[in-house]
Amino acid sequence: MKNKKKIQNLSYFVKRLKDNGFITWKIMDKYNLGDGRKWTVLINPGLESVYITCFVNDEYLDYEPSFGFDDGNILFKNNLRLKTLSMEIIINHLIERGVSPNQNLFKHKEKINSYDHGSK
């Protein structure tokens, strides 16, 4: 049973996404006690910018986690929610919708856009 709940673990979720080449930022993990949301991450900020929120303790989902995808209705329409215990399904879903693993692109872009205000 422990492995089934692993996907709900924020550190595990982020590590698996980063291991697959996605830029992943932890956004929130301190929701109110009665809130069904457990945590939120941002995938590929500045590019596709997809928020993924983990929902738990939802009786309509048989108390299994689901994941909400929100990018302002660009790639993920109507605040899509996906119920799964598999990181492979999450990763494949991102890629199928056009969210690409691209850490190297982001690092290169970040260097181009950085400006040192102190040097002259």
N, C-alpha and C. Protein backbone atom coordinates (compact mmCIF):
# COMPACT_ATOMS: atom_id res chain seq x y z
N MET A 1 0.82 -1.19 0.00
CA MET A 1 0.00 0.00 0.00
C MET A 1 0.87 1.26 0.00
N LYS A 2 2.06 1.15 0.58
CA LYS A 2 2.93 2.32 0.66
C LYS A 2 3.30 2.84 -0.74
N ASN A 3 3.60 1.95 -1.69
CA ASN A 3 3.97 2.37 -3.03
C ASN A 3 2.84 3.08 -3.76
N LYS A 4 1.60 2.70 -3.50
CA LYS A 4 0.47 3.33 -4.14
C LYS A 4 0.36 4.81 -3.76
N LYS A 5 0.78 5.16 -2.57
CA LYS A 5 0.65 6.54 -2.11
C LYS A 5 1.89 7.37 -2.43
N LYS A 6 2.90 6.76 -3.01
CA LYS A 6 4.14 7.46 -3.31
C LYS A 6 3.92 8.66 -4.23
N ILE A 7 3.03 8.55 -5.18
CA ILE A 7 2.78 9.61 -6.14
C ILE A 7 2.23 10.87 -5.45
N GLN A 8 1.62 10.71 -4.28
CA GLN A 8 1.11 11.85 -3.52
C GLN A 8 2.23 12.64 -2.84
N ASN A 9 3.40 12.04 -2.73
CA ASN A 9 4.52 12.67 -2.04
C ASN A 9 5.13 13.73 -2.95
N LEU A 10 5.15 14.98 -2.48
CA LEU A 10 5.63 16.10 -3.29
C LEU A 10 7.06 15.90 -3.76
N SER A 11 7.95 15.51 -2.87
CA SER A 11 9.36 15.33 -3.25
C SER A 11 9.52 14.25 -4.31
N TYR A 12 8.81 13.14 -4.15
CA TYR A 12 8.85 12.05 -5.14
C TYR A 12 8.33 12.54 -6.49
N PHE A 13 7.21 13.23 -6.50
CA PHE A 13 6.58 13.73 -7.72
C PHE A 13 7.54 14.67 -8.47
N VAL A 14 8.13 15.62 -7.73
CA VAL A 14 9.06 16.59 -8.33
C VAL A 14 10.30 15.89 -8.86
N LYS A 15 10.85 14.96 -8.09
CA LYS A 15 12.05 14.24 -8.52
C LYS A 15 11.80 13.49 -9.82
N ARG A 16 10.67 12.80 -9.91
CA ARG A 16 10.37 12.04 -11.12
C ARG A 16 10.20 12.95 -12.33
N LEU A 17 9.57 14.11 -12.15
CA LEU A 17 9.43 15.05 -13.26
C LEU A 17 10.79 15.61 -13.67
N LYS A 18 11.61 16.00 -12.70
CA LYS A 18 12.94 16.52 -13.01
C LYS A 18 13.82 15.46 -13.67
N ASP A 19 13.73 14.22 -13.19
CA ASP A 19 14.50 13.13 -13.79
C ASP A 19 14.12 12.92 -15.26
N ASN A 20 12.91 13.30 -15.62
CA ASN A 20 12.43 13.17 -17.00
C ASN A 20 12.60 14.45 -17.80
N GLY A 21 13.32 15.43 -17.25
CA GLY A 21 13.68 16.62 -18.01
C GLY A 21 12.75 17.81 -17.90
N PHE A 22 11.74 17.74 -17.03
CA PHE A 22 10.83 18.87 -16.87
C PHE A 22 11.35 19.85 -15.83
N ILE A 23 11.20 21.14 -16.08
CA ILE A 23 11.51 22.15 -15.08
C ILE A 23 10.34 22.15 -14.12
N THR A 24 10.61 21.99 -12.84
CA THR A 24 9.53 21.84 -11.86
C THR A 24 9.81 22.69 -10.63
N TRP A 25 8.87 23.57 -10.31
CA TRP A 25 8.97 24.41 -9.12
C TRP A 25 7.87 24.03 -8.15
N LYS A 26 8.24 23.89 -6.87
CA LYS A 26 7.25 23.68 -5.82
C LYS A 26 6.60 25.04 -5.53
N ILE A 27 5.28 25.10 -5.61
CA ILE A 27 4.55 26.35 -5.42
C ILE A 27 3.90 26.42 -4.05
N MET A 28 3.16 25.38 -3.66
CA MET A 28 2.40 25.43 -2.41
C MET A 28 2.25 24.04 -1.84
N ASP A 29 2.46 23.91 -0.53
CA ASP A 29 2.22 22.63 0.13
C ASP A 29 1.63 22.82 1.53
N LYS A 30 1.02 23.96 1.77
CA LYS A 30 0.45 24.25 3.09
C LYS A 30 -1.02 24.69 2.97
N TYR A 31 -1.83 23.86 2.32
CA TYR A 31 -3.25 24.18 2.20
C TYR A 31 -3.95 23.96 3.53
N ASN A 32 -5.10 24.57 3.70
CA ASN A 32 -5.90 24.46 4.91
C ASN A 32 -6.25 22.99 5.19
N LEU A 33 -6.41 22.65 6.43
CA LEU A 33 -6.66 21.27 6.85
C LEU A 33 -7.86 20.65 6.14
N GLY A 34 -8.94 21.38 5.95
CA GLY A 34 -10.13 20.83 5.31
C GLY A 34 -10.10 20.90 3.79
N ASP A 35 -9.05 21.44 3.24
CA ASP A 35 -8.92 21.60 1.78
C ASP A 35 -8.50 20.27 1.17
N GLY A 36 -9.09 19.89 0.05
CA GLY A 36 -8.74 18.63 -0.62
C GLY A 36 -7.41 18.69 -1.35
N ARG A 37 -6.86 19.90 -1.50
CA ARG A 37 -5.57 20.04 -2.19
C ARG A 37 -4.43 19.72 -1.21
N LYS A 38 -3.44 18.99 -1.71
CA LYS A 38 -2.28 18.65 -0.88
C LYS A 38 -1.08 19.52 -1.23
N TRP A 39 -0.81 19.71 -2.51
CA TRP A 39 0.29 20.56 -2.97
C TRP A 39 0.08 20.96 -4.42
N THR A 40 0.87 21.97 -4.86
CA THR A 40 0.83 22.45 -6.24
C THR A 40 2.25 22.68 -6.72
N VAL A 41 2.51 22.27 -7.96
CA VAL A 41 3.80 22.52 -8.61
C VAL A 41 3.55 23.26 -9.93
N LEU A 42 4.60 23.91 -10.43
CA LEU A 42 4.55 24.58 -11.73
C LEU A 42 5.54 23.89 -12.64
N ILE A 43 5.07 23.46 -13.81
CA ILE A 43 5.89 22.75 -14.78
C ILE A 43 6.27 23.71 -15.90
N ASN A 44 7.56 23.73 -16.23
CA ASN A 44 8.10 24.55 -17.32
C ASN A 44 7.67 26.02 -17.24
N PRO A 45 8.01 26.70 -16.13
CA PRO A 45 7.63 28.11 -15.98
C PRO A 45 8.22 28.96 -17.11
N GLY A 46 7.41 29.87 -17.62
CA GLY A 46 7.86 30.75 -18.69
C GLY A 46 7.72 30.13 -20.07
N LEU A 47 7.42 28.85 -20.12
CA LEU A 47 7.20 28.17 -21.40
C LEU A 47 5.73 27.75 -21.44
N GLU A 48 5.43 26.48 -21.18
CA GLU A 48 4.01 26.07 -21.15
C GLU A 48 3.33 26.49 -19.85
N SER A 49 4.10 26.61 -18.78
CA SER A 49 3.59 27.06 -17.47
C SER A 49 2.32 26.34 -17.04
N VAL A 50 2.46 25.07 -16.70
CA VAL A 50 1.33 24.24 -16.30
C VAL A 50 1.38 24.02 -14.79
N TYR A 51 0.30 24.38 -14.10
CA TYR A 51 0.17 24.08 -12.68
C TYR A 51 -0.44 22.70 -12.54
N ILE A 52 0.17 21.88 -11.67
CA ILE A 52 -0.41 20.58 -11.32
C ILE A 52 -0.67 20.60 -9.83
N THR A 53 -1.91 20.31 -9.45
CA THR A 53 -2.29 20.26 -8.04
C THR A 53 -2.71 18.85 -7.70
N CYS A 54 -2.18 18.33 -6.59
CA CYS A 54 -2.54 17.01 -6.09
C CYS A 54 -3.74 17.16 -5.16
N PHE A 55 -4.81 16.41 -5.44
CA PHE A 55 -6.00 16.38 -4.61
C PHE A 55 -6.08 15.03 -3.91
N VAL A 56 -6.37 15.05 -2.61
CA VAL A 56 -6.51 13.81 -1.84
C VAL A 56 -7.76 13.92 -0.96
N ASN A 57 -8.13 12.80 -0.36
CA ASN A 57 -9.26 12.75 0.57
C ASN A 57 -10.56 13.21 -0.07
N ASP A 58 -10.78 12.81 -1.30
CA ASP A 58 -12.00 13.15 -2.01
C ASP A 58 -12.85 11.89 -2.11
N GLU A 59 -13.98 11.87 -1.41
CA GLU A 59 -14.81 10.66 -1.39
C GLU A 59 -15.29 10.26 -2.78
N TYR A 60 -15.41 11.21 -3.69
CA TYR A 60 -15.85 10.89 -5.04
C TYR A 60 -14.76 10.18 -5.83
N LEU A 61 -13.53 10.21 -5.36
CA LEU A 61 -12.41 9.55 -6.03
C LEU A 61 -11.95 8.32 -5.26
N ASP A 62 -12.79 7.82 -4.38
CA ASP A 62 -12.45 6.66 -3.54
C ASP A 62 -11.18 6.92 -2.73
N TYR A 63 -10.97 8.16 -2.37
CA TYR A 63 -9.84 8.58 -1.54
C TYR A 63 -8.48 8.31 -2.18
N GLU A 64 -8.45 8.14 -3.49
CA GLU A 64 -7.18 8.03 -4.20
C GLU A 64 -6.83 9.41 -4.75
N PRO A 65 -5.55 9.67 -4.96
CA PRO A 65 -5.16 11.01 -5.44
C PRO A 65 -5.61 11.28 -6.87
N SER A 66 -5.90 12.53 -7.13
CA SER A 66 -6.12 12.97 -8.51
C SER A 66 -5.27 14.22 -8.70
N PHE A 67 -5.03 14.55 -9.95
CA PHE A 67 -4.14 15.66 -10.27
C PHE A 67 -4.84 16.61 -11.22
N GLY A 68 -4.91 17.87 -10.81
CA GLY A 68 -5.52 18.89 -11.64
C GLY A 68 -4.45 19.59 -12.46
N PHE A 69 -4.73 19.79 -13.74
CA PHE A 69 -3.81 20.46 -14.66
C PHE A 69 -4.44 21.79 -15.06
N ASP A 70 -3.70 22.88 -14.87
CA ASP A 70 -4.22 24.20 -15.21
C ASP A 70 -3.14 25.03 -15.89
N ASP A 71 -3.43 25.45 -17.11
CA ASP A 71 -2.51 26.32 -17.85
C ASP A 71 -3.26 27.47 -18.50
N GLY A 72 -4.40 27.83 -17.91
CA GLY A 72 -5.20 28.91 -18.47
C GLY A 72 -5.99 28.47 -19.69
N ASN A 73 -6.35 27.19 -19.76
CA ASN A 73 -7.14 26.62 -20.86
C ASN A 73 -6.45 26.69 -22.21
N ILE A 74 -5.13 26.56 -22.23
CA ILE A 74 -4.41 26.56 -23.51
C ILE A 74 -4.22 25.13 -24.00
N LEU A 75 -3.48 24.32 -23.25
CA LEU A 75 -3.27 22.91 -23.61
C LEU A 75 -4.20 21.98 -22.84
N PHE A 76 -4.57 22.39 -21.64
CA PHE A 76 -5.42 21.59 -20.75
C PHE A 76 -6.74 22.33 -20.56
N LYS A 77 -7.77 21.85 -21.22
CA LYS A 77 -9.07 22.52 -21.20
C LYS A 77 -9.87 22.16 -19.95
N ASN A 78 -10.61 23.14 -19.46
CA ASN A 78 -11.57 22.95 -18.36
C ASN A 78 -10.96 22.37 -17.10
N ASN A 79 -9.77 22.83 -16.76
CA ASN A 79 -9.11 22.38 -15.53
C ASN A 79 -9.15 20.86 -15.37
N LEU A 80 -8.59 20.18 -16.33
CA LEU A 80 -8.56 18.72 -16.39
C LEU A 80 -8.08 18.12 -15.07
N ARG A 81 -8.75 17.07 -14.62
CA ARG A 81 -8.30 16.29 -13.46
C ARG A 81 -8.11 14.85 -13.88
N LEU A 82 -6.99 14.29 -13.46
CA LEU A 82 -6.61 12.93 -13.84
C LEU A 82 -6.40 12.12 -12.56
N LYS A 83 -7.11 11.01 -12.45
CA LYS A 83 -6.96 10.11 -11.30
C LYS A 83 -6.02 8.99 -11.69
N THR A 84 -4.87 8.92 -11.03
CA THR A 84 -3.90 7.87 -11.35
C THR A 84 -2.95 7.65 -10.18
N LEU A 85 -2.34 6.47 -10.17
CA LEU A 85 -1.28 6.16 -9.22
C LEU A 85 0.05 6.00 -9.95
N SER A 86 0.10 6.41 -11.22
CA SER A 86 1.27 6.18 -12.06
C SER A 86 1.91 7.48 -12.53
N MET A 87 3.18 7.66 -12.24
CA MET A 87 3.92 8.82 -12.75
C MET A 87 4.06 8.73 -14.26
N GLU A 88 4.16 7.54 -14.81
CA GLU A 88 4.27 7.39 -16.26
C GLU A 88 3.06 7.97 -16.96
N ILE A 89 1.89 7.79 -16.38
CA ILE A 89 0.67 8.35 -16.97
C ILE A 89 0.71 9.87 -16.92
N ILE A 90 1.16 10.43 -15.81
CA ILE A 90 1.29 11.90 -15.69
C ILE A 90 2.26 12.43 -16.75
N ILE A 91 3.43 11.82 -16.83
CA ILE A 91 4.48 12.28 -17.76
C ILE A 91 4.01 12.13 -19.21
N ASN A 92 3.42 11.00 -19.55
CA ASN A 92 2.91 10.79 -20.91
C ASN A 92 1.81 11.79 -21.24
N HIS A 93 0.98 12.09 -20.28
CA HIS A 93 -0.10 13.05 -20.49
C HIS A 93 0.47 14.45 -20.79
N LEU A 94 1.48 14.85 -20.06
CA LEU A 94 2.12 16.13 -20.32
C LEU A 94 2.69 16.18 -21.74
N ILE A 95 3.42 15.15 -22.11
CA ILE A 95 4.05 15.11 -23.44
C ILE A 95 3.00 15.09 -24.54
N GLU A 96 1.94 14.28 -24.37
CA GLU A 96 0.88 14.20 -25.38
C GLU A 96 0.18 15.55 -25.59
N ARG A 97 0.11 16.36 -24.55
CA ARG A 97 -0.54 17.67 -24.64
C ARG A 97 0.40 18.76 -25.14
N GLY A 98 1.67 18.43 -25.35
CA GLY A 98 2.61 19.41 -25.89
C GLY A 98 3.53 20.05 -24.88
N VAL A 99 3.60 19.50 -23.68
CA VAL A 99 4.53 20.00 -22.66
C VAL A 99 5.78 19.15 -22.77
N SER A 100 6.88 19.78 -23.17
CA SER A 100 8.10 19.04 -23.49
C SER A 100 9.11 19.06 -22.36
N PRO A 101 9.80 17.93 -22.17
CA PRO A 101 10.96 17.95 -21.27
C PRO A 101 12.01 18.85 -21.91
N ASN A 102 12.44 19.90 -21.23
CA ASN A 102 13.34 20.85 -21.88
C ASN A 102 14.20 21.64 -20.90
N GLN A 103 14.78 20.99 -19.93
CA GLN A 103 15.61 21.69 -18.96
C GLN A 103 16.74 22.46 -19.63
N ASN A 104 17.37 21.91 -20.64
CA ASN A 104 18.50 22.57 -21.29
C ASN A 104 18.07 23.85 -21.99
N LEU A 105 16.90 23.85 -22.62
CA LEU A 105 16.38 25.04 -23.27
C LEU A 105 16.17 26.15 -22.25
N PHE A 106 15.60 25.79 -21.09
CA PHE A 106 15.32 26.78 -20.06
C PHE A 106 16.62 27.37 -19.51
N LYS A 107 17.59 26.51 -19.26
CA LYS A 107 18.87 27.01 -18.72
C LYS A 107 19.52 27.96 -19.71
N HIS A 108 19.49 27.64 -21.00
CA HIS A 108 20.07 28.51 -22.03
C HIS A 108 19.30 29.83 -22.10
N LYS A 109 17.99 29.75 -22.10
CA LYS A 109 17.15 30.95 -22.17
C LYS A 109 17.37 31.82 -20.93
N GLU A 110 17.51 31.20 -19.76
CA GLU A 110 17.72 31.93 -18.52
C GLU A 110 19.01 32.74 -18.59
N LYS A 111 20.08 32.17 -19.14
CA LYS A 111 21.35 32.87 -19.25
C LYS A 111 21.24 34.06 -20.21
N ILE A 112 20.51 33.90 -21.29
CA ILE A 112 20.34 34.99 -22.26
C ILE A 112 19.58 36.15 -21.64
N ASN A 113 18.55 35.85 -20.83
CA ASN A 113 17.70 36.88 -20.26
C ASN A 113 18.24 37.47 -18.97
N SER A 114 19.31 36.92 -18.43
CA SER A 114 19.84 37.46 -17.18
C SER A 114 20.63 38.73 -17.47
N TYR A 115 20.57 39.64 -16.53
CA TYR A 115 21.26 40.92 -16.69
C TYR A 115 21.89 41.27 -15.37
N ASP A 116 23.17 41.55 -15.37
CA ASP A 116 23.88 41.89 -14.14
C ASP A 116 23.84 43.39 -13.97
N HIS A 117 23.03 43.87 -13.02
CA HIS A 117 22.87 45.30 -12.78
C HIS A 117 24.11 45.92 -12.14
N GLY A 118 24.95 45.10 -11.54
CA GLY A 118 26.09 45.63 -10.80
C GLY A 118 27.36 45.80 -11.62
N SER A 119 27.44 45.23 -12.81
CA SER A 119 28.68 45.30 -13.57
C SER A 119 28.65 46.46 -14.55
N LYS A 120 29.77 47.15 -14.65
CA LYS A 120 29.94 48.24 -15.61
C LYS A 120 31.38 48.43 -15.88
